[in-house]
Amino acid sequence: MNQKLREAFARCPEAAEALEKLKAGNARFVAGKTQELPRDSARRESLAREGQYPYAFLLTCSDSRVVPEFIFSAGLGELFVTRAAGNVLGTSILASAQYAAQDLGAKLFVVLGHSQCGGVKATLSGEELSGALAHMGQRIRAGIGRETDYLRAVELNARAEAADLAARLLEYCPEQTLVVVPAVYDIETGSVRFLED
């Protein structure tokens, strides 16, 4: 873990604890160790009555193979998840992140890229993207620069979006101590690699 991230977690132990929960949940998912997750009627009633207090915010791709609640073995009310093609930021994602920080108490924010990402593949192909896809491609291209290696580009995209999210959260929530971490999910192995270096 790099020094800057180590210091951020030292200032925000809730974020460090949330990261450990995500890692433990992912380890269970990879090992195929299912467990009873809080998602029964009692849990639903409790969340409706008492509100939600998710321990982490996640921005990930819309890809149907990337389901954070499964990947991290999480039940109802545990994760605040937003999804966008190419896991790129947009106004509604930023509004959700600000809400998670200010109103729900989330301290850990994860930008989760993944292997076989169609958005990164399309951007690397050089094909002209139209409509809203052009915005996605522009953001990905800005994050990956001239990188041509596909797996490295997935990582760079997650890092770039995480850096932008961190900057925006600092602007919107300057009084909050928050930690933003990029990560990459391997859709074949089920493993998540947090980019803490």
Protein backbone atom coordinates (compact mmCIF):
# COMPACT_ATOMS: atom_id res chain seq x y z
CA MET A 1 0.00 0.00 0.00
CA ASN A 2 1.41 3.39 -0.92
CA GLN A 3 2.15 6.00 1.74
CA LYS A 4 -0.64 8.38 0.70
CA LEU A 5 -3.26 5.63 0.94
CA ARG A 6 -1.82 4.35 4.22
CA GLU A 7 -2.18 7.85 5.69
CA ALA A 8 -5.75 8.16 4.36
CA PHE A 9 -6.74 4.89 6.02
CA ALA A 10 -5.04 5.97 9.26
CA ARG A 11 -7.22 9.11 9.26
CA CYS A 12 -10.32 7.06 8.42
CA PRO A 13 -10.37 3.66 10.14
CA GLU A 14 -13.98 3.14 8.99
CA ALA A 15 -12.73 3.06 5.39
CA ALA A 16 -9.97 0.60 6.29
CA GLU A 17 -12.53 -1.64 7.98
CA ALA A 18 -14.82 -1.43 4.95
CA LEU A 19 -11.96 -2.41 2.63
CA GLU A 20 -11.25 -5.47 4.77
CA LYS A 21 -14.95 -6.44 4.57
CA LEU A 22 -14.82 -6.18 0.78
CA LYS A 23 -11.64 -8.26 0.61
CA ALA A 24 -13.05 -10.94 2.92
CA GLY A 25 -16.32 -11.04 0.96
CA ASN A 26 -14.46 -11.39 -2.32
CA ALA A 27 -12.33 -14.19 -0.90
CA ARG A 28 -15.53 -16.06 0.03
CA PHE A 29 -16.95 -15.47 -3.46
CA VAL A 30 -13.79 -16.76 -5.17
CA ALA A 31 -13.71 -19.82 -2.90
CA GLY A 32 -17.40 -20.52 -3.53
CA LYS A 33 -18.15 -20.32 0.17
CA THR A 34 -21.72 -19.16 0.23
CA GLN A 35 -23.26 -17.85 3.40
CA GLU A 36 -26.60 -16.56 4.47
CA LEU A 37 -26.66 -12.91 3.54
CA PRO A 38 -28.95 -10.34 5.17
CA ARG A 39 -31.71 -10.17 2.56
CA ASP A 40 -34.77 -11.77 4.15
CA SER A 41 -38.04 -10.04 5.05
CA ALA A 42 -36.73 -9.02 8.49
CA ARG A 43 -33.78 -7.29 6.84
CA ARG A 44 -36.02 -5.55 4.31
CA GLU A 45 -38.33 -4.33 7.07
CA SER A 46 -35.38 -3.12 9.15
CA LEU A 47 -33.92 -1.16 6.23
CA ALA A 48 -37.30 0.37 5.42
CA ARG A 49 -37.80 1.41 9.03
CA GLU A 50 -34.28 2.47 10.02
CA GLY A 51 -32.78 3.57 6.70
CA GLN A 52 -29.64 2.47 4.93
CA TYR A 53 -26.06 2.79 6.11
CA PRO A 54 -23.90 1.10 3.47
CA TYR A 55 -20.26 0.58 4.43
CA ALA A 56 -18.95 1.24 0.89
CA PHE A 57 -19.82 3.08 -2.31
CA LEU A 58 -18.97 1.37 -5.60
CA LEU A 59 -18.81 2.68 -9.14
CA THR A 60 -18.55 -0.18 -11.57
CA CYS A 61 -19.36 -1.02 -15.16
CA SER A 62 -22.88 -1.87 -16.30
CA ASP A 63 -21.60 -5.23 -17.59
CA SER A 64 -24.04 -7.96 -16.51
CA ARG A 65 -21.11 -10.17 -15.43
CA VAL A 66 -20.06 -7.62 -12.81
CA VAL A 67 -22.46 -7.78 -9.84
CA PRO A 68 -20.85 -6.15 -6.77
CA GLU A 69 -23.23 -7.69 -4.23
CA PHE A 70 -22.21 -11.15 -5.46
CA ILE A 71 -18.53 -10.34 -5.96
CA PHE A 72 -18.22 -9.03 -2.39
CA SER A 73 -20.71 -11.43 -0.75
CA ALA A 74 -22.85 -8.53 0.46
CA GLY A 75 -26.49 -8.40 1.50
CA LEU A 76 -29.19 -5.75 1.33
CA GLY A 77 -28.13 -2.34 2.60
CA GLU A 78 -24.39 -3.09 2.70
CA LEU A 79 -23.18 -1.54 -0.57
CA PHE A 80 -24.23 1.64 -2.37
CA VAL A 81 -23.70 0.69 -6.01
CA THR A 82 -23.68 2.85 -9.13
CA ARG A 83 -23.05 1.49 -12.60
CA ALA A 84 -22.06 3.10 -15.88
CA ALA A 85 -20.59 1.78 -19.12
CA GLY A 86 -16.81 1.77 -18.79
CA ASN A 87 -17.19 2.70 -15.09
CA VAL A 88 -16.89 6.36 -16.07
CA LEU A 89 -18.09 9.29 -14.01
CA GLY A 90 -21.05 11.41 -14.97
CA THR A 91 -23.28 13.88 -13.17
CA SER A 92 -25.69 11.28 -11.76
CA ILE A 93 -22.79 9.11 -10.52
CA LEU A 94 -21.22 12.12 -8.81
CA ALA A 95 -24.56 13.05 -7.22
CA SER A 96 -24.87 9.50 -5.91
CA ALA A 97 -21.34 9.60 -4.49
CA GLN A 98 -21.98 12.92 -2.77
CA TYR A 99 -25.22 11.57 -1.33
CA ALA A 100 -23.47 8.43 -0.09
CA ALA A 101 -20.85 10.54 1.68
CA GLN A 102 -23.02 13.29 3.10
CA ASP A 103 -26.24 11.48 3.92
CA LEU A 104 -25.42 7.78 4.25
CA GLY A 105 -22.04 7.98 5.97
CA ALA A 106 -20.04 5.94 3.45
CA LYS A 107 -16.29 6.42 3.94
CA LEU A 108 -14.85 4.00 1.35
CA PHE A 109 -15.37 4.66 -2.36
CA VAL A 110 -14.26 2.05 -4.90
CA VAL A 111 -14.02 2.42 -8.67
CA LEU A 112 -14.16 -1.13 -10.01
CA GLY A 113 -12.94 -1.80 -13.54
CA HIS A 114 -13.02 -5.31 -14.97
CA SER A 115 -11.47 -7.66 -17.48
CA GLN A 116 -13.14 -7.92 -20.90
CA CYS A 117 -14.55 -4.40 -20.58
CA GLY A 118 -16.33 -3.49 -23.80
CA GLY A 119 -15.87 0.24 -23.22
CA VAL A 120 -12.10 -0.08 -22.96
CA LYS A 121 -11.99 -2.47 -25.95
CA ALA A 122 -14.02 -0.05 -28.08
CA THR A 123 -11.79 2.86 -27.09
CA LEU A 124 -8.62 0.94 -27.89
CA SER A 125 -10.01 -0.20 -31.25
CA GLY A 126 -9.97 3.38 -32.49
CA GLU A 127 -13.46 3.01 -33.93
CA GLU A 128 -15.55 6.16 -33.92
CA LEU A 129 -18.10 6.05 -31.13
CA SER A 130 -21.34 7.97 -31.55
CA GLY A 131 -23.84 9.61 -29.24
CA ALA A 132 -23.38 9.01 -25.53
CA LEU A 133 -20.79 6.32 -26.26
CA ALA A 134 -18.52 9.10 -27.54
CA HIS A 135 -18.51 10.67 -24.04
CA MET A 136 -17.56 7.32 -22.52
CA GLY A 137 -14.77 6.84 -25.06
CA GLN A 138 -13.42 10.35 -24.48
CA ARG A 139 -13.24 9.78 -20.72
CA ILE A 140 -11.56 6.41 -21.14
CA ARG A 141 -9.08 7.80 -23.69
CA ALA A 142 -8.24 10.68 -21.33
CA GLY A 143 -7.55 8.18 -18.56
CA ILE A 144 -5.47 5.69 -20.55
CA GLY A 145 -3.58 8.13 -22.74
CA ARG A 146 -1.65 6.31 -25.45
CA GLU A 147 -1.70 2.96 -23.69
CA THR A 148 -2.31 0.09 -26.13
CA ASP A 149 -2.08 -2.88 -23.77
CA TYR A 150 -5.65 -3.88 -22.98
CA LEU A 151 -5.22 -5.05 -19.37
CA ARG A 152 -3.05 -2.07 -18.50
CA ALA A 153 -5.70 0.21 -20.06
CA VAL A 154 -8.42 -1.31 -17.83
CA GLU A 155 -6.28 -0.55 -14.78
CA LEU A 156 -5.42 2.97 -15.93
CA ASN A 157 -9.09 3.71 -16.58
CA ALA A 158 -10.03 2.63 -13.05
CA ARG A 159 -7.20 4.70 -11.60
CA ALA A 160 -8.16 7.80 -13.61
CA GLU A 161 -11.84 7.62 -12.66
CA ALA A 162 -10.90 7.04 -9.02
CA ALA A 163 -8.61 10.08 -9.05
CA ASP A 164 -11.36 12.23 -10.57
CA LEU A 165 -13.91 10.92 -8.05
CA ALA A 166 -11.52 11.69 -5.18
CA ALA A 167 -11.03 15.25 -6.45
CA ARG A 168 -14.77 15.80 -6.82
CA LEU A 169 -15.55 14.40 -3.37
CA LEU A 170 -12.93 16.70 -1.88
CA GLU A 171 -14.66 19.61 -3.62
CA TYR A 172 -18.21 18.57 -2.65
CA CYS A 173 -17.51 17.20 0.83
CA PRO A 174 -14.42 19.04 2.14
CA GLU A 175 -15.40 18.38 5.76
CA GLN A 176 -15.51 14.61 5.22
CA THR A 177 -12.64 12.16 5.58
CA LEU A 178 -13.11 9.74 2.69
CA VAL A 179 -10.92 7.19 0.91
CA VAL A 180 -11.14 6.35 -2.81
CA VAL A 181 -9.52 3.17 -4.15
CA PRO A 182 -9.40 1.84 -7.71
CA ALA A 183 -9.75 -1.91 -8.29
CA VAL A 184 -10.01 -4.42 -11.13
CA TYR A 185 -12.28 -7.48 -11.21
CA ASP A 186 -11.31 -10.58 -13.19
CA ILE A 187 -14.55 -11.98 -14.58
CA GLU A 188 -13.01 -15.43 -15.09
CA THR A 189 -11.51 -16.00 -11.64
CA GLY A 190 -13.93 -13.81 -9.67
CA SER A 191 -11.00 -12.13 -7.93
CA VAL A 192 -10.76 -8.41 -7.24
CA ARG A 193 -7.36 -6.74 -7.17
CA PHE A 194 -7.34 -3.46 -5.23
CA LEU A 195 -4.83 -1.04 -6.76
CA GLU A 196 -3.26 0.17 -3.55
CA ASP A 197 0.24 0.86 -4.89
